[in-house]
N, C-alpha and C. Protein backbone atom coordinates (compact mmCIF):
# COMPACT_ATOMS: atom_id res chain seq x y z
N MET A 1 61.45 -13.48 -92.79
CA MET A 1 60.18 -13.27 -92.13
C MET A 1 59.25 -12.58 -93.11
N ASN A 2 58.03 -13.10 -93.22
CA ASN A 2 57.11 -12.51 -94.20
C ASN A 2 56.51 -11.21 -93.66
N SER A 3 55.99 -10.41 -94.57
CA SER A 3 55.50 -9.08 -94.21
C SER A 3 54.29 -9.11 -93.28
N ALA A 4 53.43 -10.12 -93.41
CA ALA A 4 52.27 -10.23 -92.52
C ALA A 4 52.72 -10.41 -91.08
N VAL A 5 53.76 -11.20 -90.88
CA VAL A 5 54.29 -11.42 -89.54
C VAL A 5 54.89 -10.14 -88.99
N LEU A 6 55.61 -9.40 -89.83
CA LEU A 6 56.18 -8.13 -89.39
C LEU A 6 55.11 -7.16 -88.92
N LEU A 7 53.96 -7.19 -89.58
CA LEU A 7 52.87 -6.29 -89.22
C LEU A 7 52.25 -6.63 -87.87
N VAL A 8 52.16 -7.91 -87.54
CA VAL A 8 51.49 -8.31 -86.31
C VAL A 8 52.45 -8.47 -85.13
N LEU A 9 53.74 -8.48 -85.39
CA LEU A 9 54.71 -8.70 -84.32
C LEU A 9 54.57 -7.72 -83.15
N PRO A 10 54.39 -6.42 -83.40
CA PRO A 10 54.21 -5.50 -82.26
C PRO A 10 52.96 -5.83 -81.43
N GLU A 11 51.88 -6.21 -82.09
CA GLU A 11 50.65 -6.58 -81.37
C GLU A 11 50.86 -7.85 -80.55
N ILE A 12 51.57 -8.82 -81.11
CA ILE A 12 51.85 -10.06 -80.39
C ILE A 12 52.70 -9.75 -79.16
N ARG A 13 53.70 -8.89 -79.33
CA ARG A 13 54.54 -8.49 -78.19
C ARG A 13 53.69 -7.84 -77.09
N ASP A 14 52.77 -6.97 -77.49
CA ASP A 14 51.89 -6.32 -76.50
C ASP A 14 51.08 -7.35 -75.74
N LEU A 15 50.54 -8.32 -76.46
CA LEU A 15 49.75 -9.37 -75.80
C LEU A 15 50.61 -10.22 -74.87
N ILE A 16 51.83 -10.47 -75.27
CA ILE A 16 52.73 -11.25 -74.42
C ILE A 16 52.98 -10.52 -73.11
N HIS A 17 53.15 -9.21 -73.20
CA HIS A 17 53.52 -8.43 -72.01
C HIS A 17 52.34 -7.95 -71.19
N SER A 18 51.19 -7.76 -71.82
CA SER A 18 50.09 -7.18 -71.05
C SER A 18 48.75 -7.89 -71.22
N GLY A 19 48.68 -8.87 -72.09
CA GLY A 19 47.42 -9.58 -72.30
C GLY A 19 47.38 -10.87 -71.51
N SER A 20 46.27 -11.53 -71.63
CA SER A 20 46.13 -12.83 -70.97
C SER A 20 46.61 -13.93 -71.93
N ALA A 21 46.87 -15.09 -71.38
CA ALA A 21 47.26 -16.23 -72.20
C ALA A 21 46.16 -16.58 -73.19
N GLU A 22 44.90 -16.43 -72.75
CA GLU A 22 43.77 -16.73 -73.63
C GLU A 22 43.72 -15.75 -74.80
N ASP A 23 43.95 -14.45 -74.52
CA ASP A 23 43.95 -13.45 -75.59
C ASP A 23 45.05 -13.76 -76.61
N LEU A 24 46.20 -14.15 -76.10
CA LEU A 24 47.32 -14.48 -76.97
C LEU A 24 46.99 -15.70 -77.83
N ALA A 25 46.41 -16.73 -77.22
CA ALA A 25 46.04 -17.93 -77.96
C ALA A 25 45.03 -17.62 -79.05
N VAL A 26 44.07 -16.77 -78.76
CA VAL A 26 43.06 -16.38 -79.75
C VAL A 26 43.71 -15.61 -80.90
N ALA A 27 44.63 -14.72 -80.58
CA ALA A 27 45.30 -13.93 -81.61
C ALA A 27 46.16 -14.80 -82.52
N LEU A 28 46.72 -15.87 -81.97
CA LEU A 28 47.61 -16.73 -82.74
C LEU A 28 46.88 -17.81 -83.52
N ALA A 29 45.64 -18.08 -83.17
CA ALA A 29 44.88 -19.19 -83.77
C ALA A 29 44.86 -19.18 -85.30
N PRO A 30 44.73 -18.03 -85.96
CA PRO A 30 44.65 -18.07 -87.44
C PRO A 30 45.97 -18.36 -88.14
N PHE A 31 47.08 -18.35 -87.42
CA PHE A 31 48.38 -18.48 -88.06
C PHE A 31 48.77 -19.93 -88.32
N HIS A 32 49.39 -20.16 -89.44
CA HIS A 32 49.95 -21.46 -89.83
C HIS A 32 51.24 -21.65 -89.03
N SER A 33 51.68 -22.89 -88.87
CA SER A 33 52.88 -23.19 -88.08
C SER A 33 54.13 -22.47 -88.60
N ALA A 34 54.25 -22.31 -89.91
CA ALA A 34 55.41 -21.60 -90.45
C ALA A 34 55.38 -20.13 -90.05
N ASP A 35 54.18 -19.53 -90.01
CA ASP A 35 54.06 -18.14 -89.56
C ASP A 35 54.36 -18.04 -88.06
N LEU A 36 53.90 -19.01 -87.29
CA LEU A 36 54.19 -19.02 -85.86
C LEU A 36 55.70 -19.13 -85.63
N ALA A 37 56.38 -19.93 -86.45
CA ALA A 37 57.84 -20.04 -86.34
C ALA A 37 58.49 -18.70 -86.66
N ASP A 38 58.00 -18.00 -87.67
CA ASP A 38 58.53 -16.67 -88.00
C ASP A 38 58.32 -15.70 -86.83
N ILE A 39 57.15 -15.77 -86.21
CA ILE A 39 56.88 -14.91 -85.06
C ILE A 39 57.84 -15.26 -83.93
N LEU A 40 58.02 -16.54 -83.65
CA LEU A 40 58.95 -16.97 -82.60
C LEU A 40 60.35 -16.43 -82.85
N GLU A 41 60.79 -16.48 -84.10
CA GLU A 41 62.13 -16.00 -84.43
C GLU A 41 62.26 -14.49 -84.27
N GLY A 42 61.15 -13.77 -84.35
CA GLY A 42 61.18 -12.32 -84.21
C GLY A 42 61.09 -11.83 -82.78
N LEU A 43 60.93 -12.75 -81.84
CA LEU A 43 60.76 -12.39 -80.43
C LEU A 43 62.05 -12.61 -79.65
N GLU A 44 62.15 -11.92 -78.52
CA GLU A 44 63.22 -12.22 -77.57
C GLU A 44 62.94 -13.62 -77.01
N ASP A 45 63.97 -14.28 -76.51
CA ASP A 45 63.81 -15.65 -76.03
C ASP A 45 62.72 -15.78 -74.98
N GLU A 46 62.67 -14.87 -74.01
CA GLU A 46 61.67 -14.95 -72.95
C GLU A 46 60.26 -14.76 -73.51
N GLU A 47 60.12 -13.90 -74.51
CA GLU A 47 58.83 -13.71 -75.16
C GLU A 47 58.42 -14.97 -75.92
N ALA A 48 59.39 -15.58 -76.59
CA ALA A 48 59.12 -16.81 -77.35
C ALA A 48 58.67 -17.93 -76.42
N VAL A 49 59.24 -18.00 -75.24
CA VAL A 49 58.84 -19.01 -74.26
C VAL A 49 57.38 -18.82 -73.88
N ILE A 50 56.98 -17.59 -73.62
CA ILE A 50 55.59 -17.30 -73.26
C ILE A 50 54.67 -17.68 -74.41
N LEU A 51 55.07 -17.32 -75.63
CA LEU A 51 54.24 -17.65 -76.79
C LEU A 51 54.11 -19.16 -76.95
N LEU A 52 55.21 -19.88 -76.83
CA LEU A 52 55.14 -21.35 -76.96
C LEU A 52 54.19 -21.95 -75.94
N HIS A 53 54.22 -21.43 -74.72
CA HIS A 53 53.36 -21.96 -73.68
C HIS A 53 51.89 -21.60 -73.87
N SER A 54 51.62 -20.60 -74.70
CA SER A 54 50.22 -20.22 -74.96
C SER A 54 49.59 -21.09 -76.04
N LEU A 55 50.42 -21.82 -76.78
CA LEU A 55 49.93 -22.68 -77.86
C LEU A 55 49.55 -24.05 -77.30
N THR A 56 48.69 -24.74 -78.01
CA THR A 56 48.41 -26.13 -77.65
C THR A 56 49.69 -26.93 -77.89
N PRO A 57 49.84 -28.08 -77.26
CA PRO A 57 51.06 -28.87 -77.51
C PRO A 57 51.27 -29.16 -79.00
N HIS A 58 50.18 -29.49 -79.70
CA HIS A 58 50.29 -29.78 -81.13
C HIS A 58 50.78 -28.55 -81.90
N GLU A 59 50.20 -27.39 -81.64
CA GLU A 59 50.62 -26.16 -82.32
C GLU A 59 52.07 -25.82 -81.99
N GLY A 60 52.42 -25.98 -80.71
CA GLY A 60 53.78 -25.68 -80.29
C GLY A 60 54.82 -26.54 -80.99
N VAL A 61 54.53 -27.83 -81.11
CA VAL A 61 55.45 -28.75 -81.77
C VAL A 61 55.57 -28.38 -83.24
N GLU A 62 54.45 -28.15 -83.90
CA GLU A 62 54.50 -27.81 -85.33
C GLU A 62 55.31 -26.55 -85.57
N ALA A 63 55.13 -25.53 -84.74
CA ALA A 63 55.89 -24.30 -84.90
C ALA A 63 57.36 -24.52 -84.56
N PHE A 64 57.63 -25.22 -83.47
CA PHE A 64 59.01 -25.47 -83.04
C PHE A 64 59.79 -26.24 -84.09
N GLU A 65 59.16 -27.21 -84.71
CA GLU A 65 59.83 -28.01 -85.75
C GLU A 65 60.17 -27.18 -86.98
N GLN A 66 59.49 -26.07 -87.18
CA GLN A 66 59.75 -25.20 -88.34
C GLN A 66 60.95 -24.27 -88.11
N LEU A 67 61.39 -24.14 -86.86
CA LEU A 67 62.49 -23.23 -86.54
C LEU A 67 63.82 -23.78 -87.05
N GLU A 68 64.73 -22.87 -87.35
CA GLU A 68 66.09 -23.26 -87.72
C GLU A 68 66.75 -23.91 -86.50
N ASP A 69 67.68 -24.83 -86.75
CA ASP A 69 68.33 -25.58 -85.67
C ASP A 69 68.91 -24.69 -84.57
N PRO A 70 69.66 -23.62 -84.90
CA PRO A 70 70.22 -22.80 -83.82
C PRO A 70 69.15 -22.14 -82.95
N VAL A 71 68.03 -21.79 -83.54
CA VAL A 71 66.93 -21.19 -82.78
C VAL A 71 66.31 -22.23 -81.86
N GLN A 72 66.13 -23.45 -82.37
CA GLN A 72 65.60 -24.53 -81.53
C GLN A 72 66.50 -24.76 -80.32
N VAL A 73 67.78 -24.83 -80.55
CA VAL A 73 68.73 -25.08 -79.46
C VAL A 73 68.68 -23.95 -78.45
N ARG A 74 68.67 -22.71 -78.93
CA ARG A 74 68.63 -21.56 -78.02
C ARG A 74 67.37 -21.57 -77.17
N LEU A 75 66.22 -21.84 -77.79
CA LEU A 75 64.97 -21.89 -77.02
C LEU A 75 64.96 -23.07 -76.06
N PHE A 76 65.47 -24.21 -76.50
CA PHE A 76 65.54 -25.37 -75.62
C PHE A 76 66.36 -25.03 -74.37
N GLU A 77 67.49 -24.37 -74.57
CA GLU A 77 68.33 -24.00 -73.44
C GLU A 77 67.66 -22.96 -72.56
N THR A 78 66.91 -22.05 -73.15
CA THR A 78 66.21 -21.03 -72.38
C THR A 78 65.10 -21.65 -71.55
N ILE A 79 64.33 -22.54 -72.15
CA ILE A 79 63.19 -23.15 -71.47
C ILE A 79 63.65 -24.21 -70.47
N GLY A 80 64.65 -24.96 -70.83
CA GLY A 80 65.16 -26.01 -69.96
C GLY A 80 64.59 -27.36 -70.35
N ALA A 81 65.39 -28.39 -70.12
CA ALA A 81 65.04 -29.75 -70.54
C ALA A 81 63.76 -30.24 -69.88
N GLU A 82 63.59 -29.93 -68.61
CA GLU A 82 62.39 -30.43 -67.91
C GLU A 82 61.11 -29.88 -68.51
N ARG A 83 61.09 -28.58 -68.76
CA ARG A 83 59.88 -27.95 -69.30
C ARG A 83 59.69 -28.26 -70.79
N MET A 84 60.77 -28.63 -71.48
CA MET A 84 60.69 -28.96 -72.91
C MET A 84 60.32 -30.42 -73.13
N GLY A 85 60.29 -31.21 -72.09
CA GLY A 85 60.09 -32.65 -72.22
C GLY A 85 58.89 -33.03 -73.05
N LYS A 86 57.72 -32.46 -72.76
CA LYS A 86 56.50 -32.81 -73.48
C LYS A 86 56.61 -32.44 -74.96
N LEU A 87 57.14 -31.25 -75.22
CA LEU A 87 57.27 -30.81 -76.61
C LEU A 87 58.20 -31.75 -77.37
N VAL A 88 59.32 -32.11 -76.75
CA VAL A 88 60.28 -33.01 -77.41
C VAL A 88 59.65 -34.38 -77.65
N GLU A 89 58.86 -34.86 -76.70
CA GLU A 89 58.18 -36.15 -76.87
C GLU A 89 57.26 -36.15 -78.08
N LEU A 90 56.63 -35.00 -78.34
CA LEU A 90 55.65 -34.91 -79.43
C LEU A 90 56.29 -34.66 -80.79
N MET A 91 57.57 -34.32 -80.80
CA MET A 91 58.25 -34.06 -82.07
C MET A 91 58.35 -35.35 -82.88
N SER A 92 58.46 -35.19 -84.19
CA SER A 92 58.69 -36.36 -85.04
C SER A 92 60.05 -36.94 -84.67
N PRO A 93 60.22 -38.26 -84.83
CA PRO A 93 61.50 -38.88 -84.45
C PRO A 93 62.71 -38.23 -85.12
N ASP A 94 62.60 -37.88 -86.39
CA ASP A 94 63.73 -37.26 -87.10
C ASP A 94 64.06 -35.89 -86.53
N ASP A 95 63.02 -35.06 -86.30
CA ASP A 95 63.25 -33.73 -85.74
C ASP A 95 63.79 -33.81 -84.32
N ARG A 96 63.28 -34.77 -83.55
CA ARG A 96 63.75 -34.97 -82.18
C ARG A 96 65.24 -35.35 -82.19
N ALA A 97 65.60 -36.28 -83.07
CA ALA A 97 67.00 -36.70 -83.16
C ALA A 97 67.90 -35.54 -83.57
N ASP A 98 67.44 -34.73 -84.54
CA ASP A 98 68.23 -33.57 -84.97
C ASP A 98 68.44 -32.59 -83.81
N LEU A 99 67.39 -32.33 -83.06
CA LEU A 99 67.50 -31.42 -81.92
C LEU A 99 68.50 -31.95 -80.91
N ILE A 100 68.36 -33.21 -80.54
CA ILE A 100 69.25 -33.81 -79.54
C ILE A 100 70.69 -33.79 -80.03
N ASN A 101 70.91 -34.06 -81.30
CA ASN A 101 72.26 -34.04 -81.85
C ASN A 101 72.85 -32.64 -81.88
N ASN A 102 71.99 -31.61 -81.94
CA ASN A 102 72.48 -30.23 -81.99
C ASN A 102 72.70 -29.63 -80.61
N LEU A 103 72.18 -30.28 -79.57
CA LEU A 103 72.36 -29.75 -78.23
C LEU A 103 73.81 -29.95 -77.76
N PRO A 104 74.32 -28.99 -76.98
CA PRO A 104 75.66 -29.20 -76.45
C PRO A 104 75.68 -30.39 -75.50
N PRO A 105 76.83 -31.02 -75.34
CA PRO A 105 76.90 -32.22 -74.48
C PRO A 105 76.47 -31.96 -73.04
């Protein structure tokens, strides 16, 4: 995790717990997808779910695809297949196949 992400992680957590979805989206707007993935990895699963839902579908997919496979699987299981459907549909075919292959039967 890069140092810039470490510096903003407490503020992101505060916004997740006490801010609005709009405030969170505005705070995350300047971040690149790799930085968003680092932020997701630094959060508890429930916090990461809230953050993913505050992103546009395009931003969410780009960040999700940057995550390590075990993190993707954990978040997929936390969010659930039904709620992950749109995100999975938007993933690149290769990333989608990798995710599906990594999911438990």
